C-alpha atoms as a PDB file:
ATOM      1  CA  MET A   1      25.175 -18.314   0.746  1.00  0.00           C
ATOM      2  CA  ALA A   2      21.976 -19.012  -1.480  1.00  0.00           C
ATOM      3  CA  LEU A   3      20.862 -16.410  -4.223  1.00  0.00           C
ATOM      4  CA  SER A   4      17.573 -15.064  -3.334  1.00  0.00           C
ATOM      5  CA  GLU A   5      14.798 -16.234  -5.715  1.00  0.00           C
ATOM      6  CA  PRO A   6      14.033 -13.567  -8.707  1.00  0.00           C
ATOM      7  CA  ARG A   7      10.774 -11.678  -8.008  1.00  0.00           C
ATOM      8  CA  ILE A   8       7.635 -12.674 -10.244  1.00  0.00           C
ATOM      9  CA  VAL A   9       6.400 -10.287 -13.037  1.00  0.00           C
ATOM     10  CA  ALA A  10       2.975 -11.245 -13.986  1.00  0.00           C
ATOM     11  CA  VAL A  11       2.303 -10.472 -17.882  1.00  0.00           C
ATOM     12  CA  VAL A  12      -1.488 -10.325 -18.706  1.00  0.00           C
ATOM     13  CA  ASP A  13      -2.217  -9.843 -22.225  1.00  0.00           C
ATOM     14  CA  ASP A  14      -4.209 -12.014 -25.053  1.00  0.00           C
ATOM     15  CA  GLU A  15      -1.422 -11.701 -27.535  1.00  0.00           C
ATOM     16  CA  PRO A  16       1.066 -15.010 -27.123  1.00  0.00           C
ATOM     17  CA  ALA A  17       3.633 -12.959 -29.001  1.00  0.00           C
ATOM     18  CA  ILE A  18       3.470 -10.009 -26.575  1.00  0.00           C
ATOM     19  CA  CYS A  19       3.744 -12.357 -23.765  1.00  0.00           C
ATOM     20  CA  ASP A  20       6.412 -14.373 -25.028  1.00  0.00           C
ATOM     21  CA  SER A  21       8.544 -11.369 -25.861  1.00  0.00           C
ATOM     22  CA  LEU A  22       7.918  -9.625 -22.480  1.00  0.00           C
ATOM     23  CA  ALA A  23       8.748 -12.891 -20.465  1.00  0.00           C
ATOM     24  CA  MET A  24      12.043 -13.135 -22.766  1.00  0.00           C
ATOM     25  CA  LEU A  25      12.930  -9.667 -21.852  1.00  0.00           C
ATOM     26  CA  LEU A  26      11.877 -10.057 -18.197  1.00  0.00           C
ATOM     27  CA  HIS A  27      14.098 -13.521 -17.744  1.00  0.00           C
ATOM     28  CA  ALA A  28      17.005 -11.947 -19.674  1.00  0.00           C
ATOM     29  CA  SER A  29      17.057  -9.101 -16.960  1.00  0.00           C
ATOM     30  CA  GLY A  30      16.991 -11.034 -14.118  1.00  0.00           C
ATOM     31  CA  PHE A  31      13.323 -11.494 -13.205  1.00  0.00           C
ATOM     32  CA  ALA A  32      10.924 -14.464 -13.319  1.00  0.00           C
ATOM     33  CA  ALA A  33       7.934 -14.020 -15.329  1.00  0.00           C
ATOM     34  CA  ARG A  34       4.541 -15.638 -15.358  1.00  0.00           C
ATOM     35  CA  THR A  35       2.005 -15.036 -18.619  1.00  0.00           C
ATOM     36  CA  PHE A  36      -1.753 -15.112 -18.684  1.00  0.00           C
ATOM     37  CA  PRO A  37      -4.126 -14.977 -21.558  1.00  0.00           C
ATOM     38  CA  ALA A  38      -6.896 -13.369 -19.509  1.00  0.00           C
ATOM     39  CA  ALA A  39      -7.587 -10.974 -16.357  1.00  0.00           C
ATOM     40  CA  GLU A  40      -9.749 -14.074 -15.397  1.00  0.00           C
ATOM     41  CA  ALA A  41      -6.945 -16.512 -15.294  1.00  0.00           C
ATOM     42  CA  PHE A  42      -4.844 -13.972 -13.464  1.00  0.00           C
ATOM     43  CA  LEU A  43      -7.327 -13.548 -10.866  1.00  0.00           C
ATOM     44  CA  ARG A  44      -7.246 -17.116 -10.108  1.00  0.00           C
ATOM     45  CA  GLU A  45      -3.499 -16.545  -8.490  1.00  0.00           C
ATOM     46  CA  PRO A  46      -2.938 -14.824  -5.196  1.00  0.00           C
ATOM     47  CA  PRO A  47      -1.848 -11.354  -6.119  1.00  0.00           C
ATOM     48  CA  GLU A  48       0.749 -11.418  -3.439  1.00  0.00           C
ATOM     49  CA  THR A  49       2.638 -14.015  -5.567  1.00  0.00           C
ATOM     50  CA  PHE A  50       3.825 -11.113  -7.881  1.00  0.00           C
ATOM     51  CA  ALA A  51       5.922  -8.227  -7.081  1.00  0.00           C
ATOM     52  CA  CYS A  52       4.095  -6.252 -10.249  1.00  0.00           C
ATOM     53  CA  ALA A  53       1.819  -6.756 -13.093  1.00  0.00           C
ATOM     54  CA  ILE A  54       2.030  -5.634 -16.806  1.00  0.00           C
ATOM     55  CA  VAL A  55      -1.701  -5.724 -17.971  1.00  0.00           C
ATOM     56  CA  ASP A  56      -3.034  -4.721 -21.391  1.00  0.00           C
ATOM     57  CA  LEU A  57      -5.666  -2.414 -21.419  1.00  0.00           C
ATOM     58  CA  ARG A  58      -7.983  -4.403 -23.939  1.00  0.00           C
ATOM     59  CA  LEU A  59      -8.070  -7.811 -23.052  1.00  0.00           C
ATOM     60  CA  ARG A  60     -10.797 -10.172 -24.134  1.00  0.00           C
ATOM     61  CA  GLY A  61     -13.464 -10.707 -21.277  1.00  0.00           C
ATOM     62  CA  MET A  62     -12.510  -8.585 -18.533  1.00  0.00           C
ATOM     63  CA  SER A  63     -10.469  -5.454 -19.678  1.00  0.00           C
ATOM     64  CA  GLY A  64      -7.518  -3.973 -17.753  1.00  0.00           C
ATOM     65  CA  LEU A  65      -9.353  -1.374 -16.211  1.00  0.00           C
ATOM     66  CA  GLU A  66     -11.940  -3.675 -14.956  1.00  0.00           C
ATOM     67  CA  LEU A  67      -8.903  -6.044 -13.635  1.00  0.00           C
ATOM     68  CA  GLN A  68      -7.771  -3.060 -11.799  1.00  0.00           C
ATOM     69  CA  ALA A  69     -10.814  -2.246 -10.274  1.00  0.00           C
ATOM     70  CA  GLU A  70     -11.345  -6.276  -9.023  1.00  0.00           C
ATOM     71  CA  LEU A  71      -7.818  -5.968  -7.474  1.00  0.00           C
ATOM     72  CA  ALA A  72      -8.699  -2.614  -5.514  1.00  0.00           C
ATOM     73  CA  ARG A  73     -12.109  -4.250  -4.521  1.00  0.00           C
ATOM     74  CA  ARG A  74      -9.946  -7.036  -3.350  1.00  0.00           C
ATOM     75  CA  LYS A  75      -7.830  -4.279  -1.134  1.00  0.00           C
ATOM     76  CA  SER A  76      -4.480  -5.721  -3.353  1.00  0.00           C
ATOM     77  CA  VAL A  77      -1.816  -3.367  -3.496  1.00  0.00           C
ATOM     78  CA  LEU A  78       0.042  -4.772  -6.160  1.00  0.00           C
ATOM     79  CA  PRO A  79       1.579  -2.405  -8.522  1.00  0.00           C
ATOM     80  CA  ILE A  80       0.094  -2.422 -12.238  1.00  0.00           C
ATOM     81  CA  ILE A  81       1.820  -1.345 -15.183  1.00  0.00           C
ATOM     82  CA  VAL A  82      -0.687  -0.947 -17.786  1.00  0.00           C
ATOM     83  CA  ILE A  83       0.174  -1.438 -21.659  1.00  0.00           C
ATOM     84  CA  THR A  84      -2.082  -0.785 -25.009  1.00  0.00           C
ATOM     85  CA  ALA A  85      -1.769  -0.363 -28.566  1.00  0.00           C
ATOM     86  CA  HIS A  86      -4.654   1.743 -28.588  1.00  0.00           C
ATOM     87  CA  GLY A  87      -3.348   4.626 -26.046  1.00  0.00           C
ATOM     88  CA  ASP A  88      -5.210   7.832 -25.656  1.00  0.00           C
ATOM     89  CA  VAL A  89      -5.344  10.396 -22.822  1.00  0.00           C
ATOM     90  CA  ALA A  90      -8.618   9.304 -21.570  1.00  0.00           C
ATOM     91  CA  SER A  91      -7.313   5.646 -21.010  1.00  0.00           C
ATOM     92  CA  ALA A  92      -4.076   6.658 -19.693  1.00  0.00           C
ATOM     93  CA  ARG A  93      -6.185   9.258 -17.112  1.00  0.00           C
ATOM     94  CA  ALA A  94      -8.623   6.336 -16.113  1.00  0.00           C
ATOM     95  CA  ALA A  95      -5.474   3.723 -15.447  1.00  0.00           C
ATOM     96  CA  LEU A  96      -3.534   6.261 -13.412  1.00  0.00           C
ATOM     97  CA  LEU A  97      -6.572   7.511 -11.203  1.00  0.00           C
ATOM     98  CA  ALA A  98      -7.248   3.593 -10.652  1.00  0.00           C
ATOM     99  CA  GLY A  99      -3.852   3.337  -9.172  1.00  0.00           C
ATOM    100  CA  ALA A 100      -1.534   2.202 -12.079  1.00  0.00           C
ATOM    101  CA  THR A 101       2.155   2.896 -11.799  1.00  0.00           C
ATOM    102  CA  ASP A 102       2.635   3.612 -15.245  1.00  0.00           C
ATOM    103  CA  PHE A 103       0.958   3.644 -18.691  1.00  0.00           C
ATOM    104  CA  LEU A 104       2.932   2.459 -21.732  1.00  0.00           C
ATOM    105  CA  GLU A 105       2.067   2.318 -25.562  1.00  0.00           C
ATOM    106  CA  LYS A 106       3.203  -0.473 -27.517  1.00  0.00           C
ATOM    107  CA  PRO A 107       5.456  -0.739 -29.207  1.00  0.00           C
ATOM    108  CA  ILE A 108       7.383  -0.708 -26.154  1.00  0.00           C
ATOM    109  CA  ASP A 109      10.770   0.094 -25.542  1.00  0.00           C
ATOM    110  CA  ASN A 110      12.614  -2.422 -23.700  1.00  0.00           C
ATOM    111  CA  ASP A 111      14.927   0.058 -21.606  1.00  0.00           C
ATOM    112  CA  VAL A 112      11.372   2.257 -20.895  1.00  0.00           C
ATOM    113  CA  LEU A 113       9.543  -1.258 -19.669  1.00  0.00           C
ATOM    114  CA  LEU A 114      12.192  -2.155 -17.330  1.00  0.00           C
ATOM    115  CA  ALA A 115      12.294   1.184 -15.909  1.00  0.00           C
ATOM    116  CA  ALA A 116       8.737   0.912 -15.234  1.00  0.00           C
ATOM    117  CA  VAL A 117       8.880  -2.546 -13.745  1.00  0.00           C
ATOM    118  CA  ASN A 118      11.893  -1.693 -11.161  1.00  0.00           C
ATOM    119  CA  GLY A 119       9.397   1.483 -10.520  1.00  0.00           C
ATOM    120  CA  ALA A 120       6.599  -0.568  -9.993  1.00  0.00           C
ATOM    121  CA  MET A 121       8.483  -2.679  -7.576  1.00  0.00           C
ATOM    122  CA  SER A 122      10.083  -0.002  -5.419  1.00  0.00           C
ATOM    123  CA  SER A 123       6.736   1.484  -5.168  1.00  0.00           C
ATOM    124  CA  GLY A 124       5.244  -1.787  -4.313  1.00  0.00           C
ATOM    125  CA  ASP A 125       8.046  -2.188  -1.667  1.00  0.00           C
ATOM    126  CA  ARG A 126       7.508   1.353   0.046  1.00  0.00           C
ATOM    127  CA  LEU A 127       3.687   0.688   0.224  1.00  0.00           C
ATOM    128  CA  HIS A 128       4.121  -2.756   1.926  1.00  0.00           C
ATOM    129  CA  LYS A 129       6.530  -1.149   4.262  1.00  0.00           C
ATOM    130  CA  ALA A 130       3.918   1.400   5.087  1.00  0.00           C
ATOM    131  CA  ARG A 131       1.196  -1.190   5.356  1.00  0.00           C
ATOM    132  CA  ILE A 132       3.310  -3.023   8.108  1.00  0.00           C
ATOM    133  CA  ALA A 133       4.276   0.124   9.950  1.00  0.00           C
ATOM    134  CA  GLU A 134       0.458   1.205  10.071  1.00  0.00           C
ATOM    135  CA  ALA A 135      -0.583  -2.230  11.403  1.00  0.00           C
ATOM    136  CA  HIS A 136       2.081  -2.140  14.105  1.00  0.00           C
ATOM    137  CA  ALA A 137       0.645   1.469  14.896  1.00  0.00           C
ATOM    138  CA  ARG A 138      -2.921   0.082  15.026  1.00  0.00           C
ATOM    139  CA  THR A 139      -1.980  -2.372  17.189  1.00  0.00           C
ATOM    140  CA  LEU A 140       0.133  -0.336  19.754  1.00  0.00           C
ATOM    141  CA  LEU A 141      -2.844   2.201  19.573  1.00  0.00           C
ATOM    142  CA  SER A 142      -5.342  -0.533  20.428  1.00  0.00           C
ATOM    143  CA  THR A 143      -3.428  -1.438  23.955  1.00  0.00           C
ATOM    144  CA  LEU A 144      -4.738   2.334  25.203  1.00  0.00           C
ATOM    145  CA  SER A 145      -7.290   2.724  27.611  1.00  0.00           C
ATOM    146  CA  ALA A 146     -10.124   5.144  26.581  1.00  0.00           C
ATOM    147  CA  ARG A 147      -8.529   7.721  29.209  1.00  0.00           C
ATOM    148  CA  GLU A 148      -4.971   7.127  27.723  1.00  0.00           C
ATOM    149  CA  ARG A 149      -6.497   7.535  23.922  1.00  0.00           C
ATOM    150  CA  GLU A 150      -8.180  10.705  25.323  1.00  0.00           C
ATOM    151  CA  VAL A 151      -5.202  12.259  26.350  1.00  0.00           C
ATOM    152  CA  PHE A 152      -3.272  10.806  23.276  1.00  0.00           C
ATOM    153  CA  ASP A 153      -5.730  12.822  20.894  1.00  0.00           C
ATOM    154  CA  ARG A 154      -5.275  15.934  22.656  1.00  0.00           C
ATOM    155  CA  VAL A 155      -1.610  15.735  22.798  1.00  0.00           C
ATOM    156  CA  VAL A 156      -1.130  15.012  19.040  1.00  0.00           C
ATOM    157  CA  ASP A 157      -3.646  18.081  18.331  1.00  0.00           C
ATOM    158  CA  GLY A 158      -1.404  20.073  20.208  1.00  0.00           C
ATOM    159  CA  MET A 159      -2.768  20.658  23.243  1.00  0.00           C
ATOM    160  CA  HIS A 160      -0.597  21.310  26.393  1.00  0.00           C
ATOM    161  CA  ASN A 161      -1.070  19.187  30.042  1.00  0.00           C
ATOM    162  CA  ARG A 162      -2.601  22.440  31.491  1.00  0.00           C
ATOM    163  CA  GLU A 163      -5.037  22.456  28.884  1.00  0.00           C
ATOM    164  CA  ILE A 164      -5.682  18.855  28.522  1.00  0.00           C
ATOM    165  CA  ALA A 165      -6.325  18.792  32.259  1.00  0.00           C
ATOM    166  CA  VAL A 166      -9.171  21.490  32.250  1.00  0.00           C
ATOM    167  CA  ASP A 167     -10.560  20.091  29.078  1.00  0.00           C
ATOM    168  CA  LEU A 168     -10.961  16.301  31.012  1.00  0.00           C
ATOM    169  CA  GLY A 169     -11.695  17.789  34.354  1.00  0.00           C
ATOM    170  CA  ILE A 170      -8.505  16.213  35.676  1.00  0.00           C
ATOM    171  CA  SER A 171      -5.366  17.297  37.451  1.00  0.00           C
ATOM    172  CA  PRO A 172      -2.268  18.159  35.335  1.00  0.00           C
ATOM    173  CA  ARG A 173      -0.451  15.632  37.463  1.00  0.00           C
ATOM    174  CA  THR A 174      -2.749  13.039  36.265  1.00  0.00           C
ATOM    175  CA  VAL A 175      -2.428  14.022  32.593  1.00  0.00           C
ATOM    176  CA  ASP A 176       1.406  13.532  33.253  1.00  0.00           C
ATOM    177  CA  VAL A 177       0.666  10.121  34.387  1.00  0.00           C
ATOM    178  CA  TYR A 178      -1.582   9.309  31.767  1.00  0.00           C
ATOM    179  CA  ARG A 179       0.978  11.025  29.212  1.00  0.00           C
ATOM    180  CA  ALA A 180       4.057   8.762  30.298  1.00  0.00           C
ATOM    181  CA  HIS A 181       1.552   5.754  29.958  1.00  0.00           C
ATOM    182  CA  VAL A 182       0.791   6.532  26.293  1.00  0.00           C
ATOM    183  CA  MET A 183       4.452   7.208  25.811  1.00  0.00           C
ATOM    184  CA  ALA A 184       5.342   3.628  27.266  1.00  0.00           C
ATOM    185  CA  LYS A 185       2.549   1.774  25.362  1.00  0.00           C
ATOM    186  CA  LEU A 186       3.159   3.439  21.985  1.00  0.00           C
ATOM    187  CA  GLN A 187       6.898   2.579  22.481  1.00  0.00           C
ATOM    188  CA  ALA A 188       7.616   6.473  22.093  1.00  0.00           C
ATOM    189  CA  ARG A 189      10.691   8.455  22.995  1.00  0.00           C
ATOM    190  CA  ARG A 190       9.271  11.884  21.881  1.00  0.00           C
ATOM    191  CA  LEU A 191       6.512  14.059  20.719  1.00  0.00           C
ATOM    192  CA  ALA A 192       7.484  13.318  17.126  1.00  0.00           C
ATOM    193  CA  ASP A 193       6.852   9.666  17.586  1.00  0.00           C
ATOM    194  CA  LEU A 194       3.546  10.311  18.664  1.00  0.00           C
ATOM    195  CA  LEU A 195       2.700  12.753  16.072  1.00  0.00           C
ATOM    196  CA  ARG A 196       3.772  10.011  13.199  1.00  0.00           C
ATOM    197  CA  MET A 197       0.992   7.929  14.603  1.00  0.00           C
ATOM    198  CA  ARG A 198      -1.741  10.762  14.243  1.00  0.00           C
ATOM    199  CA  PRO A 199      -2.582   9.877  10.822  1.00  0.00           C
ATOM    200  CA  VAL A 200      -3.336   6.170  11.503  1.00  0.00           C
ATOM    201  CA  ALA A 201      -5.175   7.301  14.488  1.00  0.00           C
ATOM    202  CA  LEU A 202      -7.549   9.417  12.769  1.00  0.00           C
ATOM    203  CA  ARG A 203      -8.599   6.660  10.461  1.00  0.00           C
ATOM    204  CA  PRO A 204     -11.363   4.357  11.243  1.00  0.00           C
ATOM    205  CA  SER A 205     -11.286   0.911  13.166  1.00  0.00           C
ATOM    206  CA  ARG A 206      -9.794   2.477  16.265  1.00  0.00           C
ATOM    207  CA  ASP A 207     -10.543  -0.209  19.602  1.00  0.00           C
ATOM    208  CA  VAL A 208      -9.914   0.924  22.715  1.00  0.00           C
ATOM    209  CA  ASN A 209     -10.101  -0.528  26.398  1.00  0.00           C
ATOM    210  CA  ASP A 210     -12.513   1.297  28.851  1.00  0.00           C
ATOM    211  CA  SER A 211     -10.681  -0.032  31.962  1.00  0.00           C
ATOM    212  CA  ASP A 212     -10.102   3.034  33.816  1.00  0.00           C
ATOM    213  CA  ARG A 213     -13.262   5.044  32.814  1.00  0.00           C
END
């Protein structure tokens, strides 16, 4: 059986010695590493190439915080570990609020860095899986007709079938039919499955088919 390829960590730092030492540590720990002397060089690569990135806070040209902001603008979910030789509470707070998974001060303890890398990758994996699940849920929700969506919204809001019937001006039996359609289309076996889709349904970009209006 072929071994899986090592996951790639990007190191963005304008100090060559830092790039080299971090790359050596990562390689020795079973990761692949690519180094970049500037944020602008890193941004020429697709973010999805990497499992996470270690980014210096103070870089020539675009700063580490500016790089975070640019990745956010591009809707990237790449986990970022911010490092700096000039750490302060305000900088750490800004980096973490911008979505960094960790903030480490130089000189960096090897074990602490590797723990941060593993934590960032785990965080990225969870977020990636959550996005896949959300996209699947949104696809299923888009198959609901307008009336089915109305029934779904009321069911996950906690309304009983008779209440839904009165609210929509239809019979309880008709609500039963629509509810069965909703369960089938959303691949739901019980109410809890519908409730898990509620956060996705509350977000924008909801498309429905008006066929049974």
